[in-house]
PDB file of N, CA and C in Angstrom:
ATOM      1  N   MET A   1     104.523  86.420  84.208  1.00  0.00           N
ATOM      2  CA  MET A   1     105.900  86.427  82.892  1.00  0.00           C
ATOM      3  C   MET A   1     106.442  86.357  83.164  1.00  0.00           C
ATOM      4  N   GLU A   2     107.206  85.866  82.320  1.00  0.00           N
ATOM      5  CA  GLU A   2     108.765  85.156  82.199  1.00  0.00           C
ATOM      6  C   GLU A   2     109.258  86.102  81.372  1.00  0.00           C
ATOM      7  N   ILE A   3     110.638  86.554  81.259  1.00  0.00           N
ATOM      8  CA  ILE A   3     110.999  88.147  80.710  1.00  0.00           C
ATOM      9  C   ILE A   3     112.310  87.140  80.183  1.00  0.00           C
ATOM     10  N   ASN A   4     112.093  87.142  78.459  1.00  0.00           N
ATOM     11  CA  ASN A   4     113.777  87.640  78.110  1.00  0.00           C
ATOM     12  C   ASN A   4     114.426  85.738  78.266  1.00  0.00           C
ATOM     13  N   LEU A   5     112.870  84.496  78.313  1.00  0.00           N
ATOM     14  CA  LEU A   5     113.482  82.970  78.364  1.00  0.00           C
ATOM     15  C   LEU A   5     114.841  82.996  77.159  1.00  0.00           C
ATOM     16  N   PRO A   6     115.542  81.569  77.083  1.00  0.00           N
ATOM     17  CA  PRO A   6     116.874  81.777  76.432  1.00  0.00           C
ATOM     18  C   PRO A   6     116.228  81.782  75.414  1.00  0.00           C
ATOM     19  N   ASP A   7     115.766  80.521  75.195  1.00  0.00           N
ATOM     20  CA  ASP A   7     114.348  79.641  73.654  1.00  0.00           C
ATOM     21  C   ASP A   7     114.674  80.208  72.620  1.00  0.00           C
ATOM     22  N   VAL A   8     113.466  81.341  73.543  1.00  0.00           N
ATOM     23  CA  VAL A   8     112.553  82.153  73.060  1.00  0.00           C
ATOM     24  C   VAL A   8     113.313  83.365  72.544  1.00  0.00           C
ATOM     25  N   VAL A   9     113.669  84.037  73.541  1.00  0.00           N
ATOM     26  CA  VAL A   9     114.804  84.965  72.735  1.00  0.00           C
ATOM     27  C   VAL A   9     115.809  84.271  71.647  1.00  0.00           C
ATOM     28  N   VAL A  10     116.240  83.319  71.312  1.00  0.00           N
ATOM     29  CA  VAL A  10     117.268  82.247  70.346  1.00  0.00           C
ATOM     30  C   VAL A  10     116.175  82.578  68.654  1.00  0.00           C
ATOM     31  N   GLU A  11     114.776  81.954  69.021  1.00  0.00           N
ATOM     32  CA  GLU A  11     113.787  81.816  68.292  1.00  0.00           C
ATOM     33  C   GLU A  11     113.303  83.583  67.386  1.00  0.00           C
ATOM     34  N   VAL A  12     113.208  84.380  68.564  1.00  0.00           N
ATOM     35  CA  VAL A  12     113.100  85.723  68.095  1.00  0.00           C
ATOM     36  C   VAL A  12     114.143  86.187  67.104  1.00  0.00           C
ATOM     37  N   THR A  13     115.544  86.360  68.632  1.00  0.00           N
ATOM     38  CA  THR A  13     116.817  86.772  67.177  1.00  0.00           C
ATOM     39  C   THR A  13     116.832  86.035  65.829  1.00  0.00           C
ATOM     40  N   ALA A  14     116.530  84.510  65.717  1.00  0.00           N
ATOM     41  CA  ALA A  14     116.863  84.082  64.408  1.00  0.00           C
ATOM     42  C   ALA A  14     115.771  84.634  63.315  1.00  0.00           C
ATOM     43  N   ALA A  15     114.123  84.703  63.764  1.00  0.00           N
ATOM     44  CA  ALA A  15     113.392  86.065  63.069  1.00  0.00           C
ATOM     45  C   ALA A  15     113.455  87.278  62.418  1.00  0.00           C
ATOM     46  N   PHE A  16     113.860  88.107  63.907  1.00  0.00           N
ATOM     47  CA  PHE A  16     114.736  89.159  62.934  1.00  0.00           C
ATOM     48  C   PHE A  16     115.619  88.406  62.059  1.00  0.00           C
ATOM     49  N   GLN A  17     116.438  87.989  62.321  1.00  0.00           N
ATOM     50  CA  GLN A  17     118.021  88.503  61.548  1.00  0.00           C
ATOM     51  C   GLN A  17     117.442  88.346  59.795  1.00  0.00           C
ATOM     52  N   ARG A  18     116.575  87.217  60.202  1.00  0.00           N
ATOM     53  CA  ARG A  18     116.107  86.364  58.383  1.00  0.00           C
ATOM     54  C   ARG A  18     114.845  87.034  57.870  1.00  0.00           C
ATOM     55  N   TYR A  19     114.574  87.825  58.897  1.00  0.00           N
ATOM     56  CA  TYR A  19     113.658  89.140  58.166  1.00  0.00           C
ATOM     57  C   TYR A  19     114.772  90.519  57.852  1.00  0.00           C
ATOM     58  N   GLU A  20     116.454  90.771  58.442  1.00  0.00           N
ATOM     59  CA  GLU A  20     116.423  91.559  58.183  1.00  0.00           C
ATOM     60  C   GLU A  20     117.118  91.207  56.993  1.00  0.00           C
ATOM     61  N   LYS A  21     118.276  90.250  56.932  1.00  0.00           N
ATOM     62  CA  LYS A  21     118.774  89.716  55.656  1.00  0.00           C
ATOM     63  C   LYS A  21     117.511  90.154  54.565  1.00  0.00           C
ATOM     64  N   ALA A  22     116.472  89.415  54.424  1.00  0.00           N
ATOM     65  CA  ALA A  22     115.673  89.495  53.728  1.00  0.00           C
ATOM     66  C   ALA A  22     115.524  91.534  53.468  1.00  0.00           C
ATOM     67  N   LEU A  23     115.324  92.329  53.721  1.00  0.00           N
ATOM     68  CA  LEU A  23     115.606  93.307  53.906  1.00  0.00           C
ATOM     69  C   LEU A  23     116.593  94.327  52.590  1.00  0.00           C
ATOM     70  N   ASN A  24     117.668  93.605  53.451  1.00  0.00           N
ATOM     71  CA  ASN A  24     118.867  93.952  52.614  1.00  0.00           C
ATOM     72  C   ASN A  24     118.851  93.794  50.850  1.00  0.00           C
ATOM     73  N   ALA A  25     118.086  92.582  50.684  1.00  0.00           N
ATOM     74  CA  ALA A  25     118.062  91.897  49.522  1.00  0.00           C
ATOM     75  C   ALA A  25     117.029  91.787  48.761  1.00  0.00           C
ATOM     76  N   ASN A  26     116.162  93.203  49.452  1.00  0.00           N
ATOM     77  CA  ASN A  26     114.711  93.448  49.078  1.00  0.00           C
ATOM     78  C   ASN A  26     114.046  91.969  48.633  1.00  0.00           C
ATOM     79  N   ASP A  27     113.744  90.866  49.210  1.00  0.00           N
ATOM     80  CA  ASP A  27     113.589  89.716  49.021  1.00  0.00           C
ATOM     81  C   ASP A  27     112.452  89.584  49.426  1.00  0.00           C
ATOM     82  N   ILE A  28     111.172  89.718  48.515  1.00  0.00           N
ATOM     83  CA  ILE A  28     109.715  90.395  48.989  1.00  0.00           C
ATOM     84  C   ILE A  28     109.053  89.545  49.726  1.00  0.00           C
ATOM     85  N   GLU A  29     109.228  87.916  48.863  1.00  0.00           N
ATOM     86  CA  GLU A  29     108.711  86.876  49.129  1.00  0.00           C
ATOM     87  C   GLU A  29     109.211  86.748  50.865  1.00  0.00           C
ATOM     88  N   VAL A  30     110.395  86.275  51.199  1.00  0.00           N
ATOM     89  CA  VAL A  30     110.149  86.363  52.911  1.00  0.00           C
ATOM     90  C   VAL A  30     110.281  87.317  53.325  1.00  0.00           C
ATOM     91  N   LEU A  31     109.833  88.508  53.210  1.00  0.00           N
ATOM     92  CA  LEU A  31     110.084  89.971  53.804  1.00  0.00           C
ATOM     93  C   LEU A  31     108.133  89.213  54.518  1.00  0.00           C
ATOM     94  N   ASP A  32     107.399  89.298  53.045  1.00  0.00           N
ATOM     95  CA  ASP A  32     105.518  89.343  53.924  1.00  0.00           C
ATOM     96  C   ASP A  32     105.551  87.844  54.732  1.00  0.00           C
ATOM     97  N   SER A  33     106.832  86.732  54.356  1.00  0.00           N
ATOM     98  CA  SER A  33     106.748  85.944  54.967  1.00  0.00           C
ATOM     99  C   SER A  33     106.958  86.303  56.873  1.00  0.00           C
ATOM    100  N   CYS A  34     107.608  86.833  56.746  1.00  0.00           N
ATOM    101  CA  CYS A  34     108.185  87.342  58.490  1.00  0.00           C
ATOM    102  C   CYS A  34     106.389  87.823  58.533  1.00  0.00           C
ATOM    103  N   PHE A  35     105.918  88.804  58.057  1.00  0.00           N
ATOM    104  CA  PHE A  35     104.173  89.888  58.729  1.00  0.00           C
ATOM    105  C   PHE A  35     103.138  88.876  58.435  1.00  0.00           C
ATOM    106  N   TRP A  36     102.333  88.420  59.412  1.00  0.00           N
ATOM    107  CA  TRP A  36     101.246  88.706  60.433  1.00  0.00           C
ATOM    108  C   TRP A  36     100.674  88.783  58.893  1.00  0.00           C
ATOM    109  N   ARG A  37      99.506  87.751  58.199  1.00  0.00           N
ATOM    110  CA  ARG A  37      98.996  87.612  56.803  1.00  0.00           C
ATOM    111  C   ARG A  37      97.226  87.972  57.891  1.00  0.00           C
ATOM    112  N   ASP A  38      97.461  89.292  58.178  1.00  0.00           N
ATOM    113  CA  ASP A  38      95.667  89.460  58.925  1.00  0.00           C
ATOM    114  C   ASP A  38      95.958  90.356  57.741  1.00  0.00           C
ATOM    115  N   PRO A  39      94.318  91.688  57.980  1.00  0.00           N
ATOM    116  CA  PRO A  39      93.411  93.047  57.839  1.00  0.00           C
ATOM    117  C   PRO A  39      94.448  93.781  59.672  1.00  0.00           C
ATOM    118  N   ARG A  40      94.404  92.783  60.461  1.00  0.00           N
ATOM    119  CA  ARG A  40      95.179  93.811  61.503  1.00  0.00           C
ATOM    120  C   ARG A  40      96.335  94.203  61.610  1.00  0.00           C
ATOM    121  N   VAL A  41      97.128  93.369  61.150  1.00  0.00           N
ATOM    122  CA  VAL A  41      98.714  93.759  61.007  1.00  0.00           C
ATOM    123  C   VAL A  41      98.743  95.213  60.809  1.00  0.00           C
ATOM    124  N   ILE A  42     100.499  96.741  61.041  1.00  0.00           N
ATOM    125  CA  ILE A  42     100.172  97.470  61.283  1.00  0.00           C
ATOM    126  C   ILE A  42     101.582  97.188  60.491  1.00  0.00           C
ATOM    127  N   ARG A  43     102.247  98.358  59.507  1.00  0.00           N
ATOM    128  CA  ARG A  43     103.636  99.127  59.015  1.00  0.00           C
ATOM    129  C   ARG A  43     103.708 100.339  58.622  1.00  0.00           C
ATOM    130  N   TYR A  44     103.624 101.035  59.761  1.00  0.00           N
ATOM    131  CA  TYR A  44     104.191 102.647  59.722  1.00  0.00           C
ATOM    132  C   TYR A  44     105.176 102.514  59.185  1.00  0.00           C
ATOM    133  N   SER A  45     105.674 102.969  57.245  1.00  0.00           N
ATOM    134  CA  SER A  45     107.005 103.266  57.218  1.00  0.00           C
ATOM    135  C   SER A  45     107.548 104.407  56.716  1.00  0.00           C
ATOM    136  N   LEU A  46     108.898 104.173  56.036  1.00  0.00           N
ATOM    137  CA  LEU A  46     109.055 105.992  55.506  1.00  0.00           C
ATOM    138  C   LEU A  46     108.495 106.543  55.106  1.00  0.00           C
ATOM    139  N   THR A  47     107.686 106.088  54.772  1.00  0.00           N
ATOM    140  CA  THR A  47     106.966 106.531  52.875  1.00  0.00           C
ATOM    141  C   THR A  47     105.288 106.547  52.853  1.00  0.00           C
ATOM    142  N   ASP A  48     104.804 106.093  54.329  1.00  0.00           N
ATOM    143  CA  ASP A  48     103.781 105.668  53.979  1.00  0.00           C
ATOM    144  C   ASP A  48     103.067 105.229  55.621  1.00  0.00           C
ATOM    145  N   ASN A  49     100.869 104.432  55.690  1.00  0.00           N
ATOM    146  CA  ASN A  49     101.242 104.267  56.619  1.00  0.00           C
ATOM    147  C   ASN A  49     100.332 102.588  56.198  1.00  0.00           C
ATOM    148  N   ALA A  50     100.965 101.951  56.003  1.00  0.00           N
ATOM    149  CA  ALA A  50      99.592 100.043  55.401  1.00  0.00           C
ATOM    150  C   ALA A  50      98.887  99.022  56.529  1.00  0.00           C
ATOM    151  N   TYR A  51      97.789  99.036  57.476  1.00  0.00           N
ATOM    152  CA  TYR A  51      96.745  98.551  57.356  1.00  0.00           C
ATOM    153  C   TYR A  51      96.141  96.926  56.612  1.00  0.00           C
ATOM    154  N   GLY A  52      96.338  96.516  57.547  1.00  0.00           N
ATOM    155  CA  GLY A  52      96.761  94.657  56.980  1.00  0.00           C
ATOM    156  C   GLY A  52      97.607  94.799  56.369  1.00  0.00           C
ATOM    157  N   PHE A  53      97.695  93.314  55.428  1.00  0.00           N
ATOM    158  CA  PHE A  53      98.139  92.427  55.076  1.00  0.00           C
ATOM    159  C   PHE A  53      98.571  93.405  53.391  1.00  0.00           C
ATOM    160  N   GLU A  54      97.914  92.823  52.489  1.00  0.00           N
ATOM    161  CA  GLU A  54      97.747  93.462  51.858  1.00  0.00           C
ATOM    162  C   GLU A  54      98.137  94.627  51.667  1.00  0.00           C
ATOM    163  N   ALA A  55      97.755  95.707  51.936  1.00  0.00           N
ATOM    164  CA  ALA A  55      98.656  96.904  51.922  1.00  0.00           C
ATOM    165  C   ALA A  55     100.365  97.031  52.295  1.00  0.00           C
ATOM    166  N   VAL A  56     100.956  95.716  53.753  1.00  0.00           N
ATOM    167  CA  VAL A  56     102.195  96.109  53.685  1.00  0.00           C
ATOM    168  C   VAL A  56     102.667  95.642  52.355  1.00  0.00           C
ATOM    169  N   HIS A  57     101.698  94.712  51.963  1.00  0.00           N
ATOM    170  CA  HIS A  57     101.909  93.511  50.478  1.00  0.00           C
ATOM    171  C   HIS A  57     102.559  95.252  49.589  1.00  0.00           C
ATOM    172  N   GLY A  58     101.721  95.600  49.242  1.00  0.00           N
ATOM    173  CA  GLY A  58     102.067  97.264  48.329  1.00  0.00           C
ATOM    174  C   GLY A  58     102.593  97.736  48.443  1.00  0.00           C
ATOM    175  N   SER A  59     103.077  98.625  49.826  1.00  0.00           N
ATOM    176  CA  SER A  59     104.278  99.100  49.965  1.00  0.00           C
ATOM    177  C   SER A  59     105.273  98.959  49.954  1.00  0.00           C
ATOM    178  N   ARG A  60     106.122  97.001  49.850  1.00  0.00           N
ATOM    179  CA  ARG A  60     106.747  96.645  49.952  1.00  0.00           C
ATOM    180  C   ARG A  60     107.003  96.870  48.319  1.00  0.00           C
ATOM    181  N   LEU A  61     106.077  96.900  47.565  1.00  0.00           N
ATOM    182  CA  LEU A  61     106.477  96.684  45.931  1.00  0.00           C
ATOM    183  C   LEU A  61     106.449  97.649  45.562  1.00  0.00           C
ATOM    184  N   ALA A  62     106.037  99.359  46.219  1.00  0.00           N
ATOM    185  CA  ALA A  62     105.843 100.378  45.786  1.00  0.00           C
ATOM    186  C   ALA A  62     107.666 100.946  46.345  1.00  0.00           C
ATOM    187  N   ARG A  63     108.068 100.293  47.307  1.00  0.00           N
ATOM    188  CA  ARG A  63     109.065 101.131  47.687  1.00  0.00           C
ATOM    189  C   ARG A  63     110.211 101.618  47.244  1.00  0.00           C
ATOM    190  N   PRO A  64     111.124 101.928  46.935  1.00  0.00           N
ATOM    191  CA  PRO A  64     112.534 102.549  46.392  1.00  0.00           C
ATOM    192  C   PRO A  64     113.208 101.335  46.594  1.00  0.00           C
ATOM    193  N   LYS A  65     114.448 100.705  45.423  1.00  0.00           N
ATOM    194  CA  LYS A  65     114.718 100.248  44.815  1.00  0.00           C
ATOM    195  C   LYS A  65     116.209 100.481  45.737  1.00  0.00           C
ATOM    196  N   SER A  66     116.676 101.555  45.677  1.00  0.00           N
ATOM    197  CA  SER A  66     118.036 101.808  45.990  1.00  0.00           C
ATOM    198  C   SER A  66     118.375 102.080  48.081  1.00  0.00           C
ATOM    199  N   ASP A  67     119.526 101.999  48.403  1.00  0.00           N
ATOM    200  CA  ASP A  67     119.771 102.547  49.174  1.00  0.00           C
ATOM    201  C   ASP A  67     119.033 101.828  50.379  1.00  0.00           C
ATOM    202  N   LEU A  68     118.877 100.317  49.755  1.00  0.00           N
ATOM    203  CA  LEU A  68     118.227  99.895  51.323  1.00  0.00           C
ATOM    204  C   LEU A  68     119.145  99.074  52.521  1.00  0.00           C
ATOM    205  N   ARG A  69     120.687  98.622  51.929  1.00  0.00           N
ATOM    206  CA  ARG A  69     121.780  98.053  52.385  1.00  0.00           C
ATOM    207  C   ARG A  69     121.407  99.312  53.976  1.00  0.00           C
ATOM    208  N   ARG A  70     121.983  98.386  54.728  1.00  0.00           N
ATOM    209  CA  ARG A  70     122.072  99.549  56.079  1.00  0.00           C
ATOM    210  C   ARG A  70     122.954  98.514  57.612  1.00  0.00           C
ATOM    211  N   GLN A  71     123.613  99.391  57.963  1.00  0.00           N
ATOM    212  CA  GLN A  71     124.443  98.258  59.634  1.00  0.00           C
ATOM    213  C   GLN A  71     123.190  99.077  60.497  1.00  0.00           C
ATOM    214  N   LEU A  72     123.268  97.919  61.319  1.00  0.00           N
ATOM    215  CA  LEU A  72     122.481  97.555  62.550  1.00  0.00           C
ATOM    216  C   LEU A  72     122.652  97.842  64.095  1.00  0.00           C
ATOM    217  N   LYS A  73     122.727  99.097  64.496  1.00  0.00           N
ATOM    218  CA  LYS A  73     122.940  99.378  66.877  1.00  0.00           C
ATOM    219  C   LYS A  73     122.475  99.259  66.921  1.00  0.00           C
ATOM    220  N   ASN A  74     122.157  98.814  68.622  1.00  0.00           N
ATOM    221  CA  ASN A  74     122.105  98.872  69.849  1.00  0.00           C
ATOM    222  C   ASN A  74     120.640  97.961  69.263  1.00  0.00           C
ATOM    223  N   THR A  75     120.617  96.905  68.887  1.00  0.00           N
ATOM    224  CA  THR A  75     119.755  96.280  69.029  1.00  0.00           C
ATOM    225  C   THR A  75     119.176  95.301  70.169  1.00  0.00           C
ATOM    226  N   VAL A  76     118.053  95.516  70.671  1.00  0.00           N
ATOM    227  CA  VAL A  76     117.538  94.956  71.823  1.00  0.00           C
ATOM    228  C   VAL A  76     115.843  94.427  71.495  1.00  0.00           C
ATOM    229  N   ILE A  77     116.547  93.142  71.584  1.00  0.00           N
ATOM    230  CA  ILE A  77     114.727  92.225  71.540  1.00  0.00           C
ATOM    231  C   ILE A  77     115.143  91.780  73.107  1.00  0.00           C
ATOM    232  N   THR A  78     113.615  92.063  73.318  1.00  0.00           N
ATOM    233  CA  THR A  78     112.504  91.722  75.039  1.00  0.00           C
ATOM    234  C   THR A  78     111.539  90.430  74.159  1.00  0.00           C
ATOM    235  N   THR A  79     111.114  89.453  74.940  1.00  0.00           N
ATOM    236  CA  THR A  79     110.717  88.218  75.049  1.00  0.00           C
ATOM    237  C   THR A  79     109.708  88.778  76.477  1.00  0.00           C
ATOM    238  N   PHE A  80     108.239  88.324  76.248  1.00  0.00           N
ATOM    239  CA  PHE A  80     108.062  88.827  77.297  1.00  0.00           C
ATOM    240  C   PHE A  80     106.423  87.050  76.928  1.00  0.00           C
ATOM    241  N   GLY A  81     107.052  86.131  77.899  1.00  0.00           N
ATOM    242  CA  GLY A  81     106.438  84.589  77.765  1.00  0.00           C
ATOM    243  C   GLY A  81     106.683  84.410  76.960  1.00  0.00           C
ATOM    244  N   ARG A  82     106.556  83.061  76.230  1.00  0.00           N
ATOM    245  CA  ARG A  82     106.614  82.462  75.217  1.00  0.00           C
ATOM    246  C   ARG A  82     106.455  82.876  74.056  1.00  0.00           C
ATOM    247  N   ASP A  83     105.272  83.974  73.528  1.00  0.00           N
ATOM    248  CA  ASP A  83     104.356  84.313  72.227  1.00  0.00           C
ATOM    249  C   ASP A  83     104.937  85.509  72.226  1.00  0.00           C
ATOM    250  N   VAL A  84     105.687  86.307  72.205  1.00  0.00           N
ATOM    251  CA  VAL A  84     105.052  87.873  72.759  1.00  0.00           C
ATOM    252  C   VAL A  84     106.696  88.397  72.689  1.00  0.00           C
ATOM    253  N   ALA A  85     107.172  89.353  71.965  1.00  0.00           N
ATOM    254  CA  ALA A  85     109.230  90.267  71.806  1.00  0.00           C
ATOM    255  C   ALA A  85     108.435  91.317  71.213  1.00  0.00           C
ATOM    256  N   THR A  86     109.108  91.809  71.394  1.00  0.00           N
ATOM    257  CA  THR A  86     109.866  93.242  70.975  1.00  0.00           C
ATOM    258  C   THR A  86     110.873  93.532  69.703  1.00  0.00           C
ATOM    259  N   ALA A  87     111.121  93.810  68.902  1.00  0.00           N
ATOM    260  CA  ALA A  87     112.357  93.982  68.357  1.00  0.00           C
ATOM    261  C   ALA A  87     112.430  95.775  68.098  1.00  0.00           C
ATOM    262  N   ASN A  88     113.591  95.968  68.173  1.00  0.00           N
ATOM    263  CA  ASN A  88     113.626  97.828  68.362  1.00  0.00           C
ATOM    264  C   ASN A  88     115.437  97.673  68.310  1.00  0.00           C
ATOM    265  N   THR A  89     115.024  99.091  67.600  1.00  0.00           N
ATOM    266  CA  THR A  89     117.194  98.985  66.398  1.00  0.00           C
ATOM    267  C   THR A  89     117.165 100.156  66.292  1.00  0.00           C
ATOM    268  N   GLU A  90     118.656 100.469  65.993  1.00  0.00           N
ATOM    269  CA  GLU A  90     118.886 101.551  64.942  1.00  0.00           C
ATOM    270  C   GLU A  90     119.460 101.368  63.815  1.00  0.00           C
ATOM    271  N   PHE A  91     119.073 102.140  62.995  1.00  0.00           N
ATOM    272  CA  PHE A  91     119.534 101.614  61.630  1.00  0.00           C
ATOM    273  C   PHE A  91     120.552 102.906  60.747  1.00  0.00           C
ATOM    274  N   GLN A  92     121.659 102.040  60.077  1.00  0.00           N
ATOM    275  CA  GLN A  92     121.947 103.687  58.982  1.00  0.00           C
ATOM    276  C   GLN A  92     122.107 103.321  57.889  1.00  0.00           C
ATOM    277  N   ARG A  93     121.574 103.980  56.956  1.00  0.00           N
ATOM    278  CA  ARG A  93     122.013 103.171  55.107  1.00  0.00           C
ATOM    279  C   ARG A  93     123.180 103.245  55.186  1.00  0.00           C
ATOM    280  N   LEU A  94     123.645 102.379  54.291  1.00  0.00           N
ATOM    281  CA  LEU A  94     125.058 102.597  54.145  1.00  0.00           C
ATOM    282  C   LEU A  94     125.065 103.510  52.941  1.00  0.00           C
ATOM    283  N   GLU A  95     124.569 103.294  51.381  1.00  0.00           N
ATOM    284  CA  GLU A  95     125.161 104.143  50.456  1.00  0.00           C
ATOM    285  C   GLU A  95     124.435 105.794  51.215  1.00  0.00           C
ATOM    286  N   SER A  96     123.702 106.258  51.642  1.00  0.00           N
ATOM    287  CA  SER A  96     122.912 107.935  52.739  1.00  0.00           C
ATOM    288  C   SER A  96     123.863 108.384  53.812  1.00  0.00           C
ATOM    289  N   GLY A  97     124.063 107.017  54.194  1.00  0.00           N
ATOM    290  CA  GLY A  97     124.344 107.228  55.448  1.00  0.00           C
ATOM    291  C   GLY A  97     123.120 108.003  57.148  1.00  0.00           C
ATOM    292  N   ARG A  98     121.996 107.961  55.967  1.00  0.00           N
ATOM    293  CA  ARG A  98     120.699 107.918  56.615  1.00  0.00           C
ATOM    294  C   ARG A  98     120.601 107.314  58.202  1.00  0.00           C
ATOM    295  N   GLN A  99     120.232 108.015  59.107  1.00  0.00           N
ATOM    296  CA  GLN A  99     120.365 106.977  60.619  1.00  0.00           C
ATOM    297  C   GLN A  99     118.730 106.826  60.337  1.00  0.00           C
ATOM    298  N   GLY A 100     118.480 106.018  61.282  1.00  0.00           N
ATOM    299  CA  GLY A 100     117.184 105.660  61.320  1.00  0.00           C
ATOM    300  C   GLY A 100     116.378 105.193  63.079  1.00  0.00           C
ATOM    301  N   ARG A 101     114.967 104.875  63.021  1.00  0.00           N
ATOM    302  CA  ARG A 101     115.299 103.385  64.301  1.00  0.00           C
ATOM    303  C   ARG A 101     113.851 102.346  63.615  1.00  0.00           C
ATOM    304  N   GLN A 102     113.654 101.477  63.966  1.00  0.00           N
ATOM    305  CA  GLN A 102     113.113 100.527  63.787  1.00  0.00           C
ATOM    306  C   GLN A 102     112.387 100.153  65.217  1.00  0.00           C
ATOM    307  N   SER A 103     110.816  99.523  65.431  1.00  0.00           N
ATOM    308  CA  SER A 103     109.762  98.938  66.141  1.00  0.00           C
ATOM    309  C   SER A 103     109.393  98.191  66.111  1.00  0.00           C
ATOM    310  N   GLN A 104     109.310  96.451  66.239  1.00  0.00           N
ATOM    311  CA  GLN A 104     108.638  96.497  66.170  1.00  0.00           C
ATOM    312  C   GLN A 104     108.155  95.420  66.771  1.00  0.00           C
ATOM    313  N   THR A 105     107.006  94.524  66.633  1.00  0.00           N
ATOM    314  CA  THR A 105     106.132  93.743  67.526  1.00  0.00           C
ATOM    315  C   THR A 105     105.970  92.421  66.670  1.00  0.00           C
ATOM    316  N   TRP A 106     106.784  91.297  67.609  1.00  0.00           N
ATOM    317  CA  TRP A 106     106.568  90.243  67.678  1.00  0.00           C
ATOM    318  C   TRP A 106     105.864  88.950  67.841  1.00  0.00           C
ATOM    319  N   ALA A 107     104.603  87.808  66.844  1.00  0.00           N
ATOM    320  CA  ALA A 107     103.604  86.912  67.929  1.00  0.00           C
ATOM    321  C   ALA A 107     103.625  85.732  67.669  1.00  0.00           C
ATOM    322  N   ARG A 108     104.026  84.558  68.456  1.00  0.00           N
ATOM    323  CA  ARG A 108     104.232  83.602  68.085  1.00  0.00           C
ATOM    324  C   ARG A 108     102.642  83.077  67.579  1.00  0.00           C
ATOM    325  N   THR A 109     102.335  83.052  66.082  1.00  0.00           N
ATOM    326  CA  THR A 109     101.060  82.365  65.126  1.00  0.00           C
ATOM    327  C   THR A 109     101.544  80.606  65.105  1.00  0.00           C
ATOM    328  N   PRO A 110     100.691  79.919  64.614  1.00  0.00           N
ATOM    329  CA  PRO A 110     100.702  78.866  64.082  1.00  0.00           C
ATOM    330  C   PRO A 110     101.680  78.548  63.467  1.00  0.00           C
ATOM    331  N   GLU A 111     101.916  79.570  62.158  1.00  0.00           N
ATOM    332  CA  GLU A 111     102.839  79.369  61.405  1.00  0.00           C
ATOM    333  C   GLU A 111     104.106  79.880  61.718  1.00  0.00           C
ATOM    334  N   GLY A 112     104.258  80.206  63.084  1.00  0.00           N
ATOM    335  CA  GLY A 112     105.938  80.711  63.739  1.00  0.00           C
ATOM    336  C   GLY A 112     105.944  82.219  63.620  1.00  0.00           C
ATOM    337  N   TRP A 113     106.887  82.901  63.783  1.00  0.00           N
ATOM    338  CA  TRP A 113     106.834  83.771  64.428  1.00  0.00           C
ATOM    339  C   TRP A 113     107.013  85.787  63.524  1.00  0.00           C
ATOM    340  N   ARG A 114     106.426  86.333  63.535  1.00  0.00           N
ATOM    341  CA  ARG A 114     104.662  87.291  62.443  1.00  0.00           C
ATOM    342  C   ARG A 114     104.832  88.285  62.947  1.00  0.00           C
ATOM    343  N   VAL A 115     106.168  89.788  62.823  1.00  0.00           N
ATOM    344  CA  VAL A 115     105.781  90.903  62.448  1.00  0.00           C
ATOM    345  C   VAL A 115     103.783  91.377  62.797  1.00  0.00           C
ATOM    346  N   VAL A 116     103.660  91.515  63.823  1.00  0.00           N
ATOM    347  CA  VAL A 116     102.463  92.141  63.933  1.00  0.00           C
ATOM    348  C   VAL A 116     101.970  93.255  63.943  1.00  0.00           C
ATOM    349  N   SER A 117     103.340  94.295  64.238  1.00  0.00           N
ATOM    350  CA  SER A 117     103.456  95.732  64.130  1.00  0.00           C
ATOM    351  C   SER A 117     104.936  96.268  64.285  1.00  0.00           C
ATOM    352  N   ALA A 118     105.320  97.568  63.021  1.00  0.00           N
ATOM    353  CA  ALA A 118     106.200  97.659  62.863  1.00  0.00           C
ATOM    354  C   ALA A 118     105.988  99.420  62.954  1.00  0.00           C
ATOM    355  N   HIS A 119     106.579  99.864  62.594  1.00  0.00           N
ATOM    356  CA  HIS A 119     107.300 101.328  62.626  1.00  0.00           C
ATOM    357  C   HIS A 119     108.520 101.713  62.209  1.00  0.00           C
ATOM    358  N   VAL A 120     109.208 102.010  61.000  1.00  0.00           N
ATOM    359  CA  VAL A 120     110.457 102.797  60.892  1.00  0.00           C
ATOM    360  C   VAL A 120     110.111 104.091  60.579  1.00  0.00           C
ATOM    361  N   SER A 121     111.098 104.617  61.234  1.00  0.00           N
ATOM    362  CA  SER A 121     111.415 106.711  60.576  1.00  0.00           C
ATOM    363  C   SER A 121     112.462 106.430  60.558  1.00  0.00           C
ATOM    364  N   PHE A 122     113.533 107.829  60.493  1.00  0.00           N
ATOM    365  CA  PHE A 122     114.327 108.374  59.627  1.00  0.00           C
ATOM    366  C   PHE A 122     114.659 109.102  61.110  1.00  0.00           C
ATOM    367  N   MET A 123     115.409 109.605  61.947  1.00  0.00           N
ATOM    368  CA  MET A 123     116.215 110.178  62.103  1.00  0.00           C
ATOM    369  C   MET A 123     116.054 111.291  61.978  1.00  0.00           C
ATOM    370  N   PRO A 124     115.675 113.151  62.179  1.00  0.00           N
ATOM    371  CA  PRO A 124     115.983 114.430  61.460  1.00  0.00           C
ATOM    372  C   PRO A 124     117.018 114.828  61.080  1.00  0.00           C
ATOM    373  N   THR A 125     117.337 115.179  59.817  1.00  0.00           N
ATOM    374  CA  THR A 125     118.790 115.672  59.656  1.00  0.00           C
ATOM    375  C   THR A 125     118.981 117.188  59.983  1.00  0.00           C
ATOM    376  N   SER A 126     119.887 117.705  60.117  1.00  0.00           N
ATOM    377  CA  SER A 126     120.657 118.781  60.462  1.00  0.00           C
ATOM    378  C   SER A 126     120.899 119.808  58.586  1.00  0.00           C
TER     379      SER A 126
END
């Protein structure tokens, strides 16, 4: 298996950046388009556990509309062959200063790169 093929890293990085821009803008349509439209997609978020695309979409509609903008650091994108990748990052919310982390598994589908599994959590506060 070839790890981090340069052209695949560029593709996944672009998909990840598109997702991040939409997340900061709360652009539900783009956020939905970044996720696999399948009952097997999973997203563990800050407020719930969503199993299946419809649950992921519902979670997006219900999430708070404030303190969305964030700054990323230590983002690591790793590709495995031409069709699977992981994207892991730390983040800090710009309004509240809360720090967290996000892990995503991306897969190349017939529609393009899509998140098939995601986890988001905050770091404990002291």
